Amino acid sequence: MKYRPTWRTARKLSQFLFLVLFLVLFRKTDYAGSDTLPYAVNIFFRWDPLVAATVMLSARKFILLLFPSLFIILLTIVFGRVFCGWICPVGTLLDWLDKGIRPKPRPSIRFRKIKYLLLVLLLVSSLFGLQLIGFLDPFSLLVRGGTFAVDPIFNLIASGFFNTVYTHAPALAEHVTEPVYTVLKNGILPFRQSFYFLSGLSLLILAAIGAMEKLGKRFWCRNLCPLGAMLALFSRWSFFRRIPSSSCKNCPQCAPNCRMNAFDPDSGKLHHEECNMCMDCVDDCLNQSPRFTFTRQRGGPETDLSRRAFVASALAGIALPLAVKVNAASRVPRPLLLRPPGVKNETDFLSRCVRCGECMKVCIENALQPCFFESGYEGMFSPRLVPRLGYCEFNCTLCGQVCPTGAIPNLSLPEKQKAVIGIAVFDINRCLPYANGVPCMVCEEHCPTSPKAIRFRNKTVMNREGNQVPVKQPYIKEGLCIGCGICENKCPLPGASAVRVITASGGGDTESGYGGE
């Protein structure tokens, strides 16, 4: 039997290729021995018009990095929601998941207006200075879940398996598993094992999106995805449409099997903005009646959004930023909230950050971690430096390279090495030379600045045995410390470090070890 190419075959091939591209870029968002990333690993975020709209509204400026999102808008105006059906990796994964979940047939259409309400909420809140895109953008959810949970779990399982074989069957490991592990390490496994806060929550969010498929095909895409809602609005003016814009009465193939539930169950009319151009109806039609072509036809059934619902969503978008501004927690100083290098203004940073997790994934020392409520709910999932877990590598600029919105500036290496993250202070109640009269120079030995920011004073103190002993007590030379956190990370004391990095502030020469000579 001669093979006849179909739209379904072309769509599946497109979905597969774009998913492979997404996974390749996800893997390339990693340190691989070089401080330069040769690829635009953040291109999916820069394609995202919802990210572009919310970030530019919140930052109140045009951001050139997000210019590629105009291509997706033009593509939608010409061809409809082909991005959702042919490109989006989240949609592709949900389509594949359907085979095992067996979604509920012919799900209700009453929920699909929710995505428009969420879109209005995001846009209005961004206009008033509150960036919430990280909670609902499909790429942020997917990359963050993959970075915080899926990738570390995969690496932990794979490494554990190969280590077990190497321990208990070294001969097998030498000839079989070690070559396989080398191949995996060079192309599939991450550079190192990472650990993240909120990994369980991030994995739970991804699992919830997948579990929703039981309620109907592409439940997330049809009902909740605000990016899909934005593309749906643009697709109402698209030139490429289905002819005829209806389904045959009592047809067992077309309307009941539509993955986006785009057909009105009463009239059989097509909600064109809900159609993701999968073309399954063309391939499945017994009479070969429907087709897609360029036409001047416009409009169609009204978008599922009442005026009252629109106003309520817009008011919520206004109320949330105001609630943040009057919240007393936003007025409390946060001395341990350390942002990535180059970030100078917290408000501007949060207005641009889409909580994608790219900077945290690429951090060499696993130092960048997601916030929970350390910066309020408006800063949840945004990156912060946790020096006790890892330090900011002095010769690394990767986080600025992968940030898709410029929330973390893309600094040159000389600029980055002068960028102040915070400043170190010593706890004289824990620091060995202060508290016990015991010599210790670990922090100064690791300090990367030139000249070193950690200096010593020669002091004679009483040790625990009651003897007077000479020791070198460390202190910070103000103006040289950039707050990279390596001193806190390498402090040999168990538990809390004797030196802590706090947000930069003024100070003098004090007995806490913070100050100048």
Protein backbone atom coordinates (compact mmCIF):
# COMPACT_ATOMS: atom_id res chain seq x y z
CA MET A 1 0.00 0.00 0.00
CA LYS A 2 1.43 3.34 -1.04
CA TYR A 3 2.12 5.75 1.83
CA ARG A 4 0.12 8.98 1.70
CA PRO A 5 1.60 11.88 3.71
CA THR A 6 -0.88 13.55 6.04
CA TRP A 7 -1.13 16.75 8.03
CA ARG A 8 -0.89 14.66 11.19
CA THR A 9 2.48 13.28 10.10
CA ALA A 10 3.81 16.76 9.34
CA ARG A 11 2.55 18.12 12.66
CA LYS A 12 4.05 15.29 14.69
CA LEU A 13 7.38 15.74 12.91
CA SER A 14 7.32 19.47 13.66
CA GLN A 15 6.43 18.83 17.31
CA PHE A 16 9.22 16.28 17.64
CA LEU A 17 11.85 18.57 16.11
CA PHE A 18 10.92 21.55 18.27
CA LEU A 19 10.85 19.35 21.37
CA VAL A 20 14.33 18.10 20.49
CA LEU A 21 15.44 21.71 20.02
CA PHE A 22 14.00 22.61 23.42
CA LEU A 23 15.76 19.67 25.11
CA VAL A 24 19.07 20.44 23.40
CA LEU A 25 18.92 24.07 24.52
CA PHE A 26 17.90 22.93 28.00
CA ARG A 27 21.00 20.73 28.18
CA LYS A 28 23.22 23.46 26.72
CA THR A 29 22.09 25.76 29.54
CA ASP A 30 24.89 24.38 31.63
CA TYR A 31 28.53 24.95 32.37
CA ALA A 32 30.66 22.85 30.02
CA GLY A 33 34.17 24.10 30.76
CA SER A 34 33.72 27.50 29.15
CA ASP A 35 32.43 30.84 30.38
CA THR A 36 30.79 31.53 27.01
CA LEU A 37 27.59 29.97 25.72
CA PRO A 38 27.68 29.85 21.91
CA TYR A 39 23.92 29.31 21.57
CA ALA A 40 20.85 31.44 22.29
CA VAL A 41 19.73 28.90 24.89
CA ASN A 42 16.90 31.19 26.05
CA ILE A 43 15.26 31.55 22.62
CA PHE A 44 11.95 29.95 23.67
CA PHE A 45 11.48 32.70 26.27
CA ARG A 46 12.43 35.36 23.77
CA TRP A 47 9.85 33.90 21.37
CA ASP A 48 7.15 34.17 24.03
CA PRO A 49 4.90 37.22 23.39
CA LEU A 50 3.33 36.90 26.84
CA VAL A 51 6.76 37.23 28.45
CA ALA A 52 7.50 40.21 26.20
CA ALA A 53 4.22 41.95 27.00
CA THR A 54 4.31 41.48 30.78
CA VAL A 55 8.00 42.31 31.16
CA MET A 56 7.84 45.46 29.02
CA LEU A 57 4.67 46.63 30.77
CA SER A 58 6.22 46.06 34.18
CA ALA A 59 9.61 47.56 33.29
CA ARG A 60 7.98 50.34 31.25
CA LYS A 61 10.56 50.12 28.50
CA PHE A 62 11.16 48.32 25.22
CA ILE A 63 13.50 45.36 25.67
CA LEU A 64 15.38 44.44 22.52
CA LEU A 65 16.12 40.92 23.79
CA LEU A 66 12.42 40.10 23.46
CA PHE A 67 12.11 41.32 19.86
CA PRO A 68 11.82 37.72 18.47
CA SER A 69 8.37 37.47 20.09
CA LEU A 70 7.06 39.65 17.25
CA PHE A 71 7.75 36.74 14.90
CA ILE A 72 5.33 34.51 16.84
CA ILE A 73 2.67 37.24 16.76
CA LEU A 74 3.04 37.63 12.98
CA LEU A 75 2.99 33.86 12.56
CA THR A 76 -0.27 33.72 14.53
CA ILE A 77 -1.89 36.54 12.56
CA VAL A 78 -1.11 34.73 9.31
CA PHE A 79 -1.61 31.06 10.21
CA GLY A 80 -3.56 31.05 13.48
CA ARG A 81 -2.45 29.20 16.62
CA VAL A 82 0.12 27.02 14.87
CA PHE A 83 2.54 27.76 17.71
CA CYS A 84 0.28 25.87 20.14
CA GLY A 85 -0.24 22.92 17.80
CA TRP A 86 3.08 22.60 15.99
CA ILE A 87 5.81 24.20 18.13
CA CYS A 88 5.06 24.47 21.87
CA PRO A 89 6.95 21.73 23.80
CA VAL A 90 4.39 21.80 26.62
CA GLY A 91 1.62 20.99 24.15
CA THR A 92 3.74 18.24 22.60
CA LEU A 93 4.36 16.58 25.96
CA LEU A 94 0.66 16.77 26.80
CA ASP A 95 -0.24 15.17 23.46
CA TRP A 96 2.17 12.31 24.20
CA LEU A 97 0.80 11.99 27.72
CA ASP A 98 -2.72 11.46 26.40
CA LYS A 99 -1.85 7.98 25.18
CA GLY A 100 -1.33 6.74 28.73
CA ILE A 101 -3.88 8.86 30.58
CA ARG A 102 -6.88 8.40 28.25
CA PRO A 103 -8.55 11.77 28.75
CA LYS A 104 -12.24 12.21 29.35
CA PRO A 105 -14.04 12.46 26.00
CA ARG A 106 -15.81 15.67 25.04
CA PRO A 107 -14.89 17.76 28.12
CA SER A 108 -16.87 20.81 29.17
CA ILE A 109 -16.18 24.18 27.54
CA ARG A 110 -17.22 26.23 30.59
CA PHE A 111 -13.67 26.50 31.91
CA ARG A 112 -11.93 27.89 28.84
CA LYS A 113 -12.71 31.51 29.68
CA ILE A 114 -10.39 31.15 32.70
CA LYS A 115 -7.31 31.56 30.51
CA TYR A 116 -8.57 34.95 29.32
CA LEU A 117 -9.18 36.05 32.91
CA LEU A 118 -5.65 34.99 33.82
CA LEU A 119 -4.28 36.87 30.81
CA VAL A 120 -6.06 40.07 31.86
CA LEU A 121 -4.83 39.59 35.44
CA LEU A 122 -1.22 39.17 34.31
CA LEU A 123 -1.24 42.14 31.94
CA VAL A 124 -2.94 44.55 34.34
CA SER A 125 -0.81 43.53 37.32
CA SER A 126 2.30 43.99 35.16
CA LEU A 127 1.11 47.45 34.17
CA PHE A 128 0.90 48.32 37.86
CA GLY A 129 4.35 46.96 38.61
CA LEU A 130 3.73 43.41 39.83
CA GLN A 131 5.29 40.63 37.72
CA LEU A 132 3.37 37.35 38.05
CA ILE A 133 4.31 35.73 34.75
CA GLY A 134 6.55 33.15 36.43
CA PHE A 135 3.54 31.48 38.03
CA LEU A 136 1.67 30.82 34.76
CA ASP A 137 3.94 31.04 31.73
CA PRO A 138 4.25 27.52 30.26
CA PHE A 139 7.97 27.83 29.48
CA SER A 140 8.79 29.13 32.97
CA LEU A 141 6.88 26.23 34.53
CA LEU A 142 8.50 23.65 32.25
CA VAL A 143 12.10 24.88 32.49
CA ARG A 144 11.87 25.52 36.22
CA GLY A 145 10.38 22.10 36.92
CA GLY A 146 13.00 20.47 34.73
CA THR A 147 15.83 22.41 36.37
CA PHE A 148 14.81 22.05 40.01
CA ALA A 149 13.46 18.50 39.99
CA VAL A 150 13.50 16.39 36.81
CA ASP A 151 17.12 16.99 35.81
CA PRO A 152 18.61 16.48 39.31
CA ILE A 153 16.51 13.35 39.88
CA PHE A 154 17.54 11.94 36.50
CA ASN A 155 21.22 12.62 37.21
CA LEU A 156 20.96 11.17 40.72
CA ILE A 157 19.40 7.93 39.45
CA ALA A 158 21.81 7.56 36.52
CA SER A 159 24.90 8.29 38.61
CA GLY A 160 23.69 6.00 41.39
CA PHE A 161 23.22 3.15 38.94
CA PHE A 162 26.66 3.49 37.37
CA ASN A 163 28.35 3.93 40.76
CA THR A 164 26.67 0.77 42.04
CA VAL A 165 27.86 -1.21 39.03
CA TYR A 166 31.38 0.19 39.43
CA THR A 167 31.43 -0.76 43.13
CA HIS A 168 30.04 -4.27 42.88
CA ALA A 169 31.09 -5.31 39.37
CA PRO A 170 34.24 -3.39 38.38
CA ALA A 171 34.98 -5.70 35.44
CA LEU A 172 31.54 -5.06 33.95
CA ALA A 173 31.91 -1.36 34.61
CA GLU A 174 35.27 -1.14 32.87
CA HIS A 175 34.12 -2.77 29.63
CA VAL A 176 30.42 -1.90 29.47
CA THR A 177 28.96 0.73 31.77
CA GLU A 178 31.88 3.17 31.94
CA PRO A 179 31.91 3.80 28.15
CA VAL A 180 28.13 4.27 28.28
CA TYR A 181 28.45 6.64 31.23
CA THR A 182 31.12 8.64 29.40
CA VAL A 183 28.79 9.11 26.43
CA LEU A 184 25.91 10.13 28.70
CA LYS A 185 28.09 12.50 30.67
CA ASN A 186 29.32 14.23 27.53
CA GLY A 187 25.91 14.77 25.99
CA ILE A 188 22.92 14.02 28.20
CA LEU A 189 23.71 14.18 31.92
CA PRO A 190 24.25 17.59 33.55
CA PHE A 191 27.74 18.82 34.34
CA ARG A 192 27.31 18.22 38.09
CA GLN A 193 24.70 17.12 40.56
CA SER A 194 22.67 20.13 41.68
CA PHE A 195 20.21 20.60 44.52
CA TYR A 196 17.51 23.25 44.75
CA PHE A 197 15.01 24.62 47.18
CA LEU A 198 11.35 24.22 46.11
CA SER A 199 12.19 21.22 43.93
CA GLY A 200 9.20 19.29 45.27
CA LEU A 201 6.81 22.18 44.65
CA SER A 202 8.11 22.67 41.11
CA LEU A 203 7.71 18.98 40.35
CA LEU A 204 4.21 19.00 41.85
CA ILE A 205 3.17 21.86 39.55
CA LEU A 206 4.34 19.94 36.47
CA ALA A 207 2.60 16.80 37.71
CA ALA A 208 -0.63 18.75 38.24
CA ILE A 209 -0.55 20.08 34.68
CA GLY A 210 -0.08 16.54 33.42
CA ALA A 211 -2.79 15.12 35.69
CA MET A 212 -5.28 17.66 34.34
CA GLU A 213 -5.19 15.76 31.06
CA LYS A 214 -7.48 13.21 32.68
CA LEU A 215 -10.21 15.88 32.58
CA GLY A 216 -9.81 16.32 28.83
CA LYS A 217 -7.27 16.61 26.05
CA ARG A 218 -4.99 19.61 26.50
CA PHE A 219 -6.91 20.78 29.55
CA TRP A 220 -4.10 23.20 30.45
CA CYS A 221 -3.88 24.62 26.92
CA ARG A 222 -7.63 25.00 26.46
CA ASN A 223 -8.54 26.41 29.86
CA LEU A 224 -5.59 27.82 31.80
CA CYS A 225 -2.65 28.81 29.58
CA PRO A 226 -2.48 32.63 29.36
CA LEU A 227 -0.03 32.42 26.46
CA GLY A 228 -2.64 30.38 24.59
CA ALA A 229 -5.22 33.04 25.43
CA MET A 230 -3.02 35.79 23.98
CA LEU A 231 -2.39 33.81 20.78
CA ALA A 232 -6.11 33.01 20.58
CA LEU A 233 -6.91 36.72 20.51
CA PHE A 234 -4.39 37.38 17.73
CA SER A 235 -5.64 34.36 15.77
CA ARG A 236 -9.08 35.94 15.38
CA TRP A 237 -7.52 38.04 12.61
CA SER A 238 -5.60 35.19 11.00
CA PHE A 239 -5.83 34.51 7.26
CA PHE A 240 -5.50 30.73 7.39
CA ARG A 241 -8.80 29.11 8.38
CA ARG A 242 -10.88 25.99 8.19
CA ILE A 243 -13.48 25.78 5.41
CA PRO A 244 -16.29 25.10 6.22
CA SER A 245 -16.21 26.49 9.74
CA SER A 246 -18.53 23.83 11.07
CA SER A 247 -18.66 20.11 11.77
CA CYS A 248 -20.99 17.66 10.11
CA LYS A 249 -24.00 16.72 12.20
CA ASN A 250 -23.53 13.58 14.31
CA CYS A 251 -20.02 13.02 12.88
CA PRO A 252 -18.12 10.54 15.11
CA GLN A 253 -14.69 11.83 14.04
CA CYS A 254 -14.45 15.59 13.78
CA ALA A 255 -16.05 17.49 16.67
CA PRO A 256 -15.86 14.79 19.40
CA ASN A 257 -12.16 14.17 18.74
CA CYS A 258 -11.06 17.81 18.52
CA ARG A 259 -8.17 18.10 20.99
CA MET A 260 -8.98 21.76 21.70
CA ASN A 261 -12.76 21.29 21.84
CA ALA A 262 -13.01 24.11 19.32
CA PHE A 263 -16.43 23.16 17.95
CA ASP A 264 -19.55 24.54 19.62
CA PRO A 265 -21.50 21.42 20.67
CA ASP A 266 -24.87 23.06 19.95
CA SER A 267 -24.34 24.77 16.60
CA GLY A 268 -21.33 22.81 15.37
CA LYS A 269 -19.62 26.14 14.55
CA LEU A 270 -15.88 26.44 14.97
CA HIS A 271 -14.35 28.76 17.57
CA HIS A 272 -11.43 29.63 15.33
CA GLU A 273 -9.40 31.19 18.15
CA GLU A 274 -9.52 27.89 20.04
CA CYS A 275 -8.27 25.84 17.07
CA ASN A 276 -4.56 24.99 17.31
CA MET A 277 -4.38 24.03 13.62
CA CYS A 278 -3.56 20.37 14.33
CA MET A 279 -5.38 19.40 11.09
CA ASP A 280 -6.63 16.12 12.56
CA CYS A 281 -10.14 16.93 11.33
CA VAL A 282 -8.83 17.02 7.74
CA ASP A 283 -7.12 13.65 8.05
CA ASP A 284 -9.96 11.97 9.95
CA CYS A 285 -12.93 13.19 7.90
CA LEU A 286 -14.62 10.28 6.11
CA ASN A 287 -15.93 12.56 3.37
CA GLN A 288 -12.81 14.75 3.08
CA SER A 289 -15.06 17.75 3.57
CA PRO A 290 -13.00 20.18 5.67
CA ARG A 291 -9.89 21.92 4.44
CA PHE A 292 -7.69 24.80 5.57
CA THR A 293 -6.99 27.66 3.22
CA PHE A 294 -6.27 31.38 3.11
CA THR A 295 -9.49 33.37 3.22
CA ARG A 296 -10.74 36.84 4.05
CA GLN A 297 -13.28 35.47 6.49
CA ARG A 298 -13.01 37.13 9.89
CA GLY A 299 -14.59 36.93 13.30
CA GLY A 300 -16.66 34.01 14.43
CA PRO A 301 -18.27 33.19 17.77
CA GLU A 302 -17.53 35.70 20.51
CA THR A 303 -14.67 35.04 22.91
CA ASP A 304 -15.82 33.31 26.08
CA LEU A 305 -15.40 36.34 28.33
CA SER A 306 -18.18 38.48 29.76
CA ARG A 307 -17.75 42.16 30.55
CA ARG A 308 -18.32 41.50 34.25
CA ALA A 309 -15.61 38.81 34.34
CA PHE A 310 -13.20 41.07 32.45
CA VAL A 311 -13.71 43.94 34.90
CA ALA A 312 -13.33 41.62 37.90
CA SER A 313 -10.06 40.22 36.55
CA ALA A 314 -8.75 43.71 35.79
CA LEU A 315 -9.61 44.89 39.29
CA ALA A 316 -7.78 41.90 40.74
CA GLY A 317 -4.79 42.86 38.60
CA ILE A 318 -4.88 46.33 40.17
CA ALA A 319 -5.50 45.14 43.71
CA LEU A 320 -2.60 42.66 43.89
CA PRO A 321 0.17 45.24 43.19
CA LEU A 322 -1.42 47.65 45.67
CA ALA A 323 -1.54 44.90 48.29
CA VAL A 324 2.18 44.33 47.78
CA LYS A 325 2.95 48.03 48.20
CA VAL A 326 1.06 48.36 51.48
CA ASN A 327 2.36 45.07 52.90
CA ALA A 328 4.61 45.77 55.89
CA ALA A 329 6.82 42.83 54.94
CA SER A 330 8.01 44.77 51.89
CA ARG A 331 9.36 47.48 54.23
CA VAL A 332 11.43 45.15 56.39
CA PRO A 333 15.16 45.09 55.50
CA ARG A 334 16.36 41.74 54.17
CA PRO A 335 20.12 41.67 54.80
CA LEU A 336 20.52 38.07 53.61
CA LEU A 337 18.61 38.51 50.34
CA LEU A 338 21.51 38.50 47.88
CA ARG A 339 20.69 38.90 44.21
CA PRO A 340 22.83 37.76 41.23
CA PRO A 341 25.78 39.95 40.17
CA GLY A 342 24.86 43.17 38.42
CA VAL A 343 21.41 43.51 39.97
CA LYS A 344 21.21 46.94 41.55
CA ASN A 345 17.55 47.69 42.06
CA GLU A 346 15.20 45.11 43.59
CA THR A 347 12.04 46.61 42.08
CA ASP A 348 13.47 46.73 38.58
CA PHE A 349 14.83 43.20 38.96
CA LEU A 350 11.48 41.73 40.00
CA SER A 351 9.70 43.58 37.20
CA ARG A 352 11.88 41.81 34.63
CA CYS A 353 12.49 38.40 36.21
CA VAL A 354 10.20 35.70 34.79
CA ARG A 355 11.33 33.03 37.30
CA CYS A 356 12.46 30.74 34.50
CA GLY A 357 15.29 29.13 36.48
CA GLU A 358 17.81 29.47 33.64
CA CYS A 359 20.30 31.40 35.79
CA MET A 360 20.03 28.84 38.58
CA LYS A 361 20.54 25.96 36.16
CA VAL A 362 23.70 27.44 34.68
CA CYS A 363 25.27 28.53 37.97
CA ILE A 364 28.58 26.67 38.25
CA GLU A 365 28.61 26.36 42.03
CA ASN A 366 24.85 25.78 42.52
CA ALA A 367 24.85 29.05 44.48
CA LEU A 368 21.70 30.59 42.98
CA GLN A 369 18.55 29.23 44.60
CA PRO A 370 14.85 30.10 44.25
CA CYS A 371 13.22 32.34 46.82
CA PHE A 372 10.19 31.12 48.71
CA PHE A 373 8.83 34.02 50.79
CA GLU A 374 12.22 35.62 51.52
CA SER A 375 11.27 38.49 49.19
CA GLY A 376 7.48 38.29 49.61
CA TYR A 377 5.12 36.33 47.41
CA GLU A 378 5.90 38.74 44.57
CA GLY A 379 9.47 37.41 44.52
CA MET A 380 8.69 33.70 44.81
CA PHE A 381 10.93 31.54 42.55
CA SER A 382 13.22 34.50 41.80
CA PRO A 383 16.97 33.75 42.22
CA ARG A 384 19.02 34.59 45.28
CA LEU A 385 22.58 33.75 46.26
CA VAL A 386 22.95 31.27 49.15
CA PRO A 387 26.70 31.31 49.92
CA ARG A 388 26.67 28.43 52.36
CA LEU A 389 25.50 26.18 49.51
CA GLY A 390 27.72 27.69 46.83
CA TYR A 391 29.57 30.87 45.95
CA CYS A 392 29.54 33.15 42.92
CA GLU A 393 32.49 32.04 40.80
CA PHE A 394 34.78 35.06 40.27
CA ASN A 395 35.47 34.25 36.60
CA CYS A 396 31.90 33.34 35.56
CA THR A 397 29.34 35.48 33.70
CA LEU A 398 26.93 32.71 32.65
CA CYS A 399 23.85 33.86 34.58
CA GLY A 400 23.78 37.17 32.71
CA GLN A 401 24.19 35.38 29.39
CA VAL A 402 21.18 33.10 29.85
CA CYS A 403 18.74 35.64 31.36
CA PRO A 404 16.13 36.14 28.60
CA THR A 405 14.87 39.54 29.77
CA GLY A 406 17.98 41.34 31.03
CA ALA A 407 16.85 41.12 34.67
CA ILE A 408 20.41 39.92 35.32
CA PRO A 409 22.69 42.18 33.25
CA ASN A 410 24.97 40.49 30.73
CA LEU A 411 28.24 41.84 32.12
CA SER A 412 31.70 41.47 30.69
CA LEU A 413 34.13 39.60 32.93
CA PRO A 414 35.91 42.79 34.18
CA GLU A 415 32.52 44.37 34.93
CA LYS A 416 31.28 41.28 36.70
CA GLN A 417 34.40 41.05 38.86
CA LYS A 418 33.65 44.53 40.17
CA ALA A 419 29.89 44.04 40.60
CA VAL A 420 29.01 44.18 44.30
CA ILE A 421 26.56 41.49 45.43
CA GLY A 422 26.97 42.18 49.15
CA ILE A 423 29.65 42.49 51.77
CA ALA A 424 31.06 39.96 54.21
CA VAL A 425 30.95 40.42 58.00
CA PHE A 426 32.52 38.29 60.72
CA ASP A 427 30.72 36.86 63.73
CA ILE A 428 33.26 37.30 66.52
CA ASN A 429 31.35 34.80 68.67
CA ARG A 430 32.06 32.01 66.16
CA CYS A 431 35.16 33.03 64.21
CA LEU A 432 38.04 30.92 65.59
CA PRO A 433 40.67 33.69 65.91
CA TYR A 434 38.16 35.90 67.77
CA ALA A 435 36.25 33.36 69.87
CA ASN A 436 38.92 30.75 70.66
CA GLY A 437 42.25 32.37 69.86
CA VAL A 438 42.82 29.65 67.25
CA PRO A 439 44.65 30.60 64.04
CA CYS A 440 42.53 30.28 60.87
CA MET A 441 43.19 31.81 57.44
CA VAL A 442 40.82 29.79 55.21
CA CYS A 443 38.62 32.74 54.26
CA GLU A 444 41.56 34.93 53.25
CA GLU A 445 43.19 32.15 51.26
CA HIS A 446 40.07 31.75 49.09
CA CYS A 447 39.27 35.45 48.65
CA PRO A 448 39.49 36.02 44.84
CA THR A 449 39.80 39.82 44.69
CA SER A 450 43.10 41.51 43.99
CA PRO A 451 44.13 43.03 46.31
CA LYS A 452 42.34 40.74 48.76
CA ALA A 453 39.30 42.09 50.56
CA ILE A 454 40.08 40.06 53.69
CA ARG A 455 42.94 41.43 55.79
CA PHE A 456 44.37 40.58 59.22
CA ARG A 457 45.14 42.41 62.44
CA ASN A 458 47.80 41.07 64.79
CA LYS A 459 46.21 40.64 68.19
CA THR A 460 47.15 39.01 71.47
CA VAL A 461 44.15 37.22 72.98
CA MET A 462 43.37 34.66 75.65
CA ASN A 463 42.63 31.17 74.36
CA ARG A 464 40.38 28.55 75.96
CA GLU A 465 43.24 27.34 78.16
CA GLY A 466 43.63 30.83 79.60
CA ASN A 467 46.93 31.51 77.86
CA GLN A 468 47.80 34.73 76.03
CA VAL A 469 48.50 33.88 72.38
CA PRO A 470 49.17 35.98 69.28
CA VAL A 471 46.65 35.48 66.44
CA LYS A 472 45.73 37.12 63.16
CA GLN A 473 42.12 38.30 63.32
CA PRO A 474 40.43 38.79 59.93
CA TYR A 475 38.45 41.83 58.88
CA ILE A 476 36.96 43.14 55.65
CA LYS A 477 38.56 45.95 53.70
CA GLU A 478 35.60 48.05 52.64
CA GLY A 479 35.56 48.85 48.94
CA LEU A 480 37.25 45.60 47.92
CA CYS A 481 34.69 42.99 48.97
CA ILE A 482 32.15 42.14 46.27
CA GLY A 483 30.17 39.63 48.33
CA CYS A 484 30.89 36.58 46.15
CA GLY A 485 30.35 34.36 49.21
CA ILE A 486 33.36 32.09 48.84
CA CYS A 487 34.55 33.01 52.35
CA GLU A 488 31.20 31.97 53.83
CA ASN A 489 31.12 28.82 51.72
CA LYS A 490 34.64 27.69 52.66
CA CYS A 491 34.48 28.55 56.37
CA PRO A 492 35.49 25.29 58.11
CA LEU A 493 33.06 25.64 61.01
CA PRO A 494 30.12 23.20 61.00
CA GLY A 495 26.64 24.63 60.67
CA ALA A 496 26.42 28.40 60.34
CA SER A 497 29.51 30.08 58.97
CA ALA A 498 31.56 32.51 61.06
CA VAL A 499 31.52 34.94 58.14
CA ARG A 500 28.24 35.95 56.52
CA VAL A 501 27.57 37.90 53.34
CA ILE A 502 24.87 40.54 53.73
CA THR A 503 23.52 43.17 51.39
CA ALA A 504 26.03 45.97 50.93
CA SER A 505 25.87 48.90 53.37
CA GLY A 506 28.20 51.40 54.91
CA GLY A 507 30.31 50.72 57.96
CA GLY A 508 33.50 51.46 59.80
CA ASP A 509 36.26 49.65 61.58
CA THR A 510 34.44 47.68 64.29
CA GLU A 511 35.13 44.70 66.50
CA SER A 512 32.73 42.63 64.38
CA GLY A 513 35.47 42.44 61.82
CA TYR A 514 33.60 44.62 59.30
CA GLY A 515 35.36 47.71 58.12
CA GLY A 516 38.60 49.21 56.99
CA GLU A 517 42.02 49.49 58.47
